């Protein structure tokens, strides 16, 4: 995000309570939660958002609701075939 402060980015996208946002970002629990999520992402080889993991299929970016639904349904059918259901 460059050198722009997070609070400025928050204000730019319409976060109404920038004071609360700054307090949240300064809270060590917030940093710990972010670090846990980043570690989980690294373990799954996710290096950006949005990333969807549907069984063994990795979809980087948002393909739209129709395409996402089609992918989920297809993977569901494939997993049922593999399990013999």
C-alpha atoms as a PDB file:
ATOM      1  CA  UNK A   1       0.000   0.000   0.000  1.00  0.00           C
ATOM      2  CA  UNK A   2       3.030   2.239  -0.203  1.00  0.00           C
ATOM      3  CA  UNK A   3       3.632   4.917   2.383  1.00  0.00           C
ATOM      4  CA  UNK A   4       0.052   6.101   2.727  1.00  0.00           C
ATOM      5  CA  UNK A   5      -1.235   5.686   6.316  1.00  0.00           C
ATOM      6  CA  UNK A   6      -3.896   3.007   6.844  1.00  0.00           C
ATOM      7  CA  UNK A   7      -6.214   5.587   8.408  1.00  0.00           C
ATOM      8  CA  UNK A   8      -6.026   7.666   5.232  1.00  0.00           C
ATOM      9  CA  UNK A   9      -6.842   4.614   3.124  1.00  0.00           C
ATOM     10  CA  UNK A  10      -9.750   3.788   5.460  1.00  0.00           C
ATOM     11  CA  UNK A  11     -11.128   7.311   5.157  1.00  0.00           C
ATOM     12  CA  UNK A  12     -10.759   7.137   1.365  1.00  0.00           C
ATOM     13  CA  UNK A  13     -12.931   4.015   1.159  1.00  0.00           C
ATOM     14  CA  UNK A  14     -15.599   5.434   3.467  1.00  0.00           C
ATOM     15  CA  UNK A  15     -14.803   4.004   6.921  1.00  0.00           C
ATOM     16  CA  UNK A  16     -16.869   6.367   9.109  1.00  0.00           C
ATOM     17  CA  UNK A  17     -15.044   5.807  12.420  1.00  0.00           C
ATOM     18  CA  UNK A  18     -11.409   6.476  11.585  1.00  0.00           C
ATOM     19  CA  UNK A  19     -10.577   7.004  15.269  1.00  0.00           C
ATOM     20  CA  UNK A  20     -11.893   3.519  16.078  1.00  0.00           C
ATOM     21  CA  UNK A  21     -10.078   2.161  13.029  1.00  0.00           C
ATOM     22  CA  UNK A  22      -6.763   3.640  14.225  1.00  0.00           C
ATOM     23  CA  UNK A  23      -7.342   2.191  17.715  1.00  0.00           C
ATOM     24  CA  UNK A  24      -8.061  -1.217  16.220  1.00  0.00           C
ATOM     25  CA  UNK A  25      -4.935  -1.100  14.072  1.00  0.00           C
ATOM     26  CA  UNK A  26      -2.830  -0.111  17.110  1.00  0.00           C
ATOM     27  CA  UNK A  27      -4.158  -3.036  19.190  1.00  0.00           C
ATOM     28  CA  UNK A  28      -1.579  -5.854  19.493  1.00  0.00           C
ATOM     29  CA  UNK A  29      -4.423  -8.401  19.213  1.00  0.00           C
ATOM     30  CA  UNK A  30      -5.174  -7.069  15.725  1.00  0.00           C
ATOM     31  CA  UNK A  31      -1.579  -7.562  14.629  1.00  0.00           C
ATOM     32  CA  UNK A  32      -1.585 -11.081  16.121  1.00  0.00           C
ATOM     33  CA  UNK A  33      -4.775 -11.972  14.214  1.00  0.00           C
ATOM     34  CA  UNK A  34      -3.315 -10.617  10.976  1.00  0.00           C
ATOM     35  CA  UNK A  35      -0.100 -12.599  11.517  1.00  0.00           C
ATOM     36  CA  UNK A  36      -2.106 -15.816  12.147  1.00  0.00           C
ATOM     37  CA  UNK A  37      -4.129 -15.271   8.979  1.00  0.00           C
ATOM     38  CA  UNK A  38      -0.998 -14.537   6.953  1.00  0.00           C
ATOM     39  CA  UNK A  39       0.699 -17.688   8.269  1.00  0.00           C
ATOM     40  CA  UNK A  40      -2.349 -19.763   7.332  1.00  0.00           C
ATOM     41  CA  UNK A  41      -2.328 -18.199   3.867  1.00  0.00           C
ATOM     42  CA  UNK A  42       1.368 -18.944   3.380  1.00  0.00           C
ATOM     43  CA  UNK A  43       0.775 -22.557   4.422  1.00  0.00           C
ATOM     44  CA  UNK A  44      -1.924 -22.834   1.749  1.00  0.00           C
ATOM     45  CA  UNK A  45       0.252 -20.954  -0.767  1.00  0.00           C
ATOM     46  CA  UNK A  46      -2.174 -18.054  -0.930  1.00  0.00           C
ATOM     47  CA  UNK A  47      -0.312 -14.844  -1.601  1.00  0.00           C
ATOM     48  CA  UNK A  48      -3.111 -12.439  -2.451  1.00  0.00           C
ATOM     49  CA  UNK A  49      -6.760 -11.696  -2.007  1.00  0.00           C
ATOM     50  CA  UNK A  50      -9.216 -12.693  -3.040  1.00  0.00           C
ATOM     51  CA  UNK A  51      -8.155 -16.305  -3.453  1.00  0.00           C
ATOM     52  CA  UNK A  52     -10.690 -19.124  -3.335  1.00  0.00           C
ATOM     53  CA  UNK A  53      -9.654 -22.681  -2.511  1.00  0.00           C
ATOM     54  CA  UNK A  54     -12.245 -25.166  -3.736  1.00  0.00           C
ATOM     55  CA  UNK A  55     -10.952 -28.662  -3.012  1.00  0.00           C
ATOM     56  CA  UNK A  56      -7.673 -28.764  -4.971  1.00  0.00           C
ATOM     57  CA  UNK A  57      -8.675 -25.880  -7.245  1.00  0.00           C
ATOM     58  CA  UNK A  58      -7.104 -22.485  -6.544  1.00  0.00           C
ATOM     59  CA  UNK A  59      -8.937 -19.483  -8.009  1.00  0.00           C
ATOM     60  CA  UNK A  60      -7.022 -16.203  -7.780  1.00  0.00           C
ATOM     61  CA  UNK A  61      -9.243 -13.169  -8.166  1.00  0.00           C
ATOM     62  CA  UNK A  62     -13.010 -12.926  -8.117  1.00  0.00           C
ATOM     63  CA  UNK A  63     -14.514 -14.591 -11.176  1.00  0.00           C
ATOM     64  CA  UNK A  64     -18.016 -13.278 -10.453  1.00  0.00           C
ATOM     65  CA  UNK A  65     -20.920 -14.969  -8.694  1.00  0.00           C
ATOM     66  CA  UNK A  66     -22.051 -17.130 -11.622  1.00  0.00           C
ATOM     67  CA  UNK A  67     -18.588 -18.450 -12.442  1.00  0.00           C
ATOM     68  CA  UNK A  68     -17.805 -19.042  -8.771  1.00  0.00           C
ATOM     69  CA  UNK A  69     -21.024 -20.993  -8.309  1.00  0.00           C
ATOM     70  CA  UNK A  70     -20.234 -23.078 -11.406  1.00  0.00           C
ATOM     71  CA  UNK A  71     -16.742 -23.850 -10.084  1.00  0.00           C
ATOM     72  CA  UNK A  72     -18.065 -24.881  -6.659  1.00  0.00           C
ATOM     73  CA  UNK A  73     -20.772 -27.079  -8.173  1.00  0.00           C
ATOM     74  CA  UNK A  74     -18.274 -28.689 -10.545  1.00  0.00           C
ATOM     75  CA  UNK A  75     -15.821 -29.422  -7.743  1.00  0.00           C
ATOM     76  CA  UNK A  76     -18.660 -30.808  -5.621  1.00  0.00           C
ATOM     77  CA  UNK A  77     -19.682 -33.200  -8.416  1.00  0.00           C
ATOM     78  CA  UNK A  78     -16.046 -34.216  -8.945  1.00  0.00           C
ATOM     79  CA  UNK A  79     -15.543 -34.913  -5.237  1.00  0.00           C
ATOM     80  CA  UNK A  80     -18.692 -37.053  -5.173  1.00  0.00           C
ATOM     81  CA  UNK A  81     -17.424 -39.055  -8.150  1.00  0.00           C
ATOM     82  CA  UNK A  82     -14.058 -39.580  -6.454  1.00  0.00           C
ATOM     83  CA  UNK A  83     -15.697 -40.746  -3.242  1.00  0.00           C
ATOM     84  CA  UNK A  84     -18.139 -43.029  -5.079  1.00  0.00           C
ATOM     85  CA  UNK A  85     -21.244 -41.261  -3.731  1.00  0.00           C
END
